[in-house]
């Protein structure tokens, strides 16, 4: 790796925590990007539905890998 004389080595970006990654995946749901719901229970249901979809995809991907 080429560096200039006297310069510090390149810094790597820190890895996102599991909570940050979870919120990033939740924001992929269009319904959750804006606060359209007036009742907190509705927002909670949308988050739960999004997480069910996320976990279902993760399980389906793991099952497909096991069948190979």
N, C-alpha and C. Protein backbone atom coordinates (compact mmCIF):
# COMPACT_ATOMS: atom_id res chain seq x y z
N UNK A 1 0.84 -1.17 0.00
CA UNK A 1 0.00 0.00 0.00
C UNK A 1 0.89 1.24 0.00
N UNK A 2 0.64 2.13 -0.89
CA UNK A 2 1.43 3.34 -0.99
C UNK A 2 0.90 4.40 -0.03
N UNK A 3 1.78 4.95 0.79
CA UNK A 3 1.41 6.05 1.68
C UNK A 3 2.45 7.13 1.56
N UNK A 4 2.05 8.32 1.91
CA UNK A 4 2.99 9.43 1.91
C UNK A 4 3.85 9.34 3.17
N UNK A 5 5.07 9.81 3.08
CA UNK A 5 5.97 9.79 4.23
C UNK A 5 5.39 10.64 5.34
N UNK A 6 5.31 10.07 6.53
CA UNK A 6 4.83 10.81 7.70
C UNK A 6 3.32 10.84 7.83
N UNK A 7 2.59 10.21 6.95
CA UNK A 7 1.12 10.23 7.08
C UNK A 7 0.66 9.03 7.90
N UNK A 8 -0.49 9.19 8.50
CA UNK A 8 -1.06 8.12 9.31
C UNK A 8 -1.69 7.07 8.40
N UNK A 9 -1.73 5.82 8.86
CA UNK A 9 -2.38 4.78 8.04
C UNK A 9 -3.87 5.06 7.87
N UNK A 10 -4.44 4.51 6.83
CA UNK A 10 -5.87 4.73 6.55
C UNK A 10 -6.71 4.12 7.65
N UNK A 11 -7.77 4.81 8.02
CA UNK A 11 -8.69 4.34 9.05
C UNK A 11 -9.83 3.57 8.39
N UNK A 12 -10.21 2.46 8.99
CA UNK A 12 -11.35 1.71 8.48
C UNK A 12 -12.61 2.22 9.15
N UNK A 13 -13.71 2.14 8.45
CA UNK A 13 -14.99 2.58 9.01
C UNK A 13 -15.44 1.58 10.06
N UNK A 14 -16.05 2.09 11.12
CA UNK A 14 -16.53 1.18 12.16
C UNK A 14 -17.74 0.41 11.64
N UNK A 15 -17.92 -0.78 12.17
CA UNK A 15 -19.05 -1.60 11.75
C UNK A 15 -20.30 -1.16 12.51
N UNK A 16 -21.41 -1.16 11.82
CA UNK A 16 -22.68 -0.75 12.44
C UNK A 16 -23.10 -1.78 13.48
N UNK A 17 -23.70 -1.30 14.54
CA UNK A 17 -24.19 -2.20 15.58
C UNK A 17 -25.43 -2.94 15.06
N UNK A 18 -25.79 -4.05 15.70
CA UNK A 18 -27.00 -4.77 15.26
C UNK A 18 -28.26 -3.90 15.28
N UNK A 19 -28.36 -3.00 16.26
CA UNK A 19 -29.54 -2.12 16.31
C UNK A 19 -29.56 -1.18 15.12
N UNK A 20 -28.41 -0.63 14.74
CA UNK A 20 -28.34 0.27 13.59
C UNK A 20 -28.69 -0.47 12.30
N UNK A 21 -28.22 -1.70 12.17
CA UNK A 21 -28.54 -2.49 10.97
C UNK A 21 -30.03 -2.82 10.92
N UNK A 22 -30.62 -3.12 12.08
CA UNK A 22 -32.06 -3.43 12.12
C UNK A 22 -32.88 -2.22 11.70
N UNK A 23 -32.53 -1.04 12.21
CA UNK A 23 -33.27 0.17 11.82
C UNK A 23 -33.07 0.47 10.34
N UNK A 24 -31.90 0.19 9.82
CA UNK A 24 -31.66 0.41 8.39
C UNK A 24 -32.56 -0.51 7.56
N UNK A 25 -32.70 -1.77 7.97
CA UNK A 25 -33.58 -2.69 7.24
C UNK A 25 -35.04 -2.26 7.36
N UNK A 26 -35.42 -1.76 8.53
CA UNK A 26 -36.80 -1.30 8.70
C UNK A 26 -37.10 -0.12 7.78
N UNK A 27 -36.14 0.74 7.57
CA UNK A 27 -36.36 1.91 6.72
C UNK A 27 -36.49 1.53 5.25
N UNK A 28 -36.18 0.28 4.89
CA UNK A 28 -36.41 -0.18 3.52
C UNK A 28 -37.90 -0.35 3.23
N UNK A 29 -38.71 -0.47 4.27
CA UNK A 29 -40.15 -0.55 4.08
C UNK A 29 -40.68 0.86 3.81
N UNK A 30 -41.34 1.05 2.69
CA UNK A 30 -41.80 2.38 2.31
C UNK A 30 -42.77 2.96 3.33
N UNK A 31 -43.56 2.11 3.92
CA UNK A 31 -44.59 2.59 4.85
C UNK A 31 -43.96 3.15 6.12
N UNK A 32 -42.75 2.72 6.46
CA UNK A 32 -42.12 3.15 7.70
C UNK A 32 -41.21 4.36 7.53
N UNK A 33 -40.99 4.80 6.30
CA UNK A 33 -40.07 5.92 6.11
C UNK A 33 -40.68 7.25 6.54
N UNK A 34 -41.99 7.35 6.51
CA UNK A 34 -42.69 8.56 6.97
C UNK A 34 -43.67 8.16 8.07
N UNK A 35 -44.02 9.11 8.91
CA UNK A 35 -44.94 8.83 10.01
C UNK A 35 -46.36 9.15 9.56
N UNK A 36 -46.97 8.23 8.80
CA UNK A 36 -48.31 8.44 8.29
C UNK A 36 -49.39 8.07 9.31
N UNK A 37 -49.10 7.11 10.17
CA UNK A 37 -50.11 6.60 11.08
C UNK A 37 -50.33 7.55 12.25
N UNK A 38 -51.57 7.66 12.69
CA UNK A 38 -51.88 8.53 13.83
C UNK A 38 -51.86 7.76 15.14
N UNK A 39 -52.17 6.47 15.09
CA UNK A 39 -52.18 5.66 16.31
C UNK A 39 -50.86 4.92 16.47
N UNK A 40 -50.28 4.91 17.66
CA UNK A 40 -49.04 4.16 17.88
C UNK A 40 -49.20 2.66 17.62
N UNK A 41 -50.38 2.13 17.86
CA UNK A 41 -50.62 0.70 17.62
C UNK A 41 -50.49 0.36 16.14
N UNK A 42 -50.91 1.28 15.28
CA UNK A 42 -50.78 1.04 13.84
C UNK A 42 -49.32 1.03 13.42
N UNK A 43 -48.54 1.97 13.95
CA UNK A 43 -47.11 2.01 13.65
C UNK A 43 -46.43 0.74 14.16
N UNK A 44 -46.81 0.30 15.35
CA UNK A 44 -46.24 -0.92 15.92
C UNK A 44 -46.56 -2.13 15.04
N UNK A 45 -47.77 -2.19 14.52
CA UNK A 45 -48.16 -3.29 13.65
C UNK A 45 -47.36 -3.28 12.34
N UNK A 46 -47.10 -2.08 11.81
CA UNK A 46 -46.31 -1.97 10.58
C UNK A 46 -44.87 -2.44 10.82
N UNK A 47 -44.31 -2.07 11.96
CA UNK A 47 -42.95 -2.51 12.29
C UNK A 47 -42.92 -4.02 12.46
N UNK A 48 -43.92 -4.57 13.14
CA UNK A 48 -43.98 -6.02 13.33
C UNK A 48 -44.12 -6.74 11.99
N UNK A 49 -44.95 -6.22 11.11
CA UNK A 49 -45.09 -6.83 9.78
C UNK A 49 -43.80 -6.78 8.99
N UNK A 50 -43.09 -5.68 9.08
CA UNK A 50 -41.82 -5.54 8.38
C UNK A 50 -40.78 -6.53 8.92
N UNK A 51 -40.75 -6.71 10.24
CA UNK A 51 -39.80 -7.65 10.83
C UNK A 51 -40.17 -9.09 10.49
N UNK A 52 -41.45 -9.39 10.40
CA UNK A 52 -41.87 -10.74 9.99
C UNK A 52 -41.39 -11.02 8.57
N UNK A 53 -41.54 -10.04 7.69
CA UNK A 53 -41.07 -10.20 6.32
C UNK A 53 -39.57 -10.40 6.28
N UNK A 54 -38.85 -9.60 7.05
CA UNK A 54 -37.38 -9.68 7.10
C UNK A 54 -36.92 -11.04 7.59
N UNK A 55 -37.50 -11.52 8.68
CA UNK A 55 -37.11 -12.81 9.23
C UNK A 55 -37.53 -13.95 8.32
N UNK A 56 -38.68 -13.82 7.66
CA UNK A 56 -39.10 -14.85 6.71
C UNK A 56 -38.12 -14.99 5.55
N UNK A 57 -37.65 -13.86 5.04
CA UNK A 57 -36.66 -13.90 3.96
C UNK A 57 -35.35 -14.50 4.43
N UNK A 58 -34.95 -14.16 5.66
CA UNK A 58 -33.71 -14.71 6.19
C UNK A 58 -33.81 -16.22 6.36
N UNK A 59 -34.95 -16.70 6.88
CA UNK A 59 -35.14 -18.14 7.06
C UNK A 59 -35.23 -18.87 5.72
N UNK A 60 -35.89 -18.27 4.75
CA UNK A 60 -36.01 -18.90 3.43
C UNK A 60 -34.64 -19.00 2.76
N UNK A 61 -33.82 -17.97 2.93
CA UNK A 61 -32.48 -17.99 2.35
C UNK A 61 -31.62 -19.07 3.00
N UNK A 62 -31.74 -19.22 4.33
CA UNK A 62 -30.98 -20.25 5.05
C UNK A 62 -31.45 -21.63 4.64
N UNK A 63 -32.75 -21.81 4.47
CA UNK A 63 -33.28 -23.11 4.06
C UNK A 63 -32.84 -23.48 2.64
N UNK A 64 -32.82 -22.50 1.75
CA UNK A 64 -32.38 -22.74 0.38
C UNK A 64 -30.91 -23.13 0.35
N UNK A 65 -30.11 -22.52 1.23
CA UNK A 65 -28.68 -22.86 1.30
C UNK A 65 -28.49 -24.28 1.84
N UNK A 66 -29.35 -24.71 2.78
CA UNK A 66 -29.25 -26.06 3.32
C UNK A 66 -29.63 -27.12 2.31
N UNK A 67 -30.50 -26.79 1.36
CA UNK A 67 -30.96 -27.76 0.37
C UNK A 67 -29.97 -27.95 -0.75
N UNK A 68 -29.00 -27.10 -0.85
CA UNK A 68 -28.01 -27.23 -1.94
C UNK A 68 -27.04 -28.32 -1.69
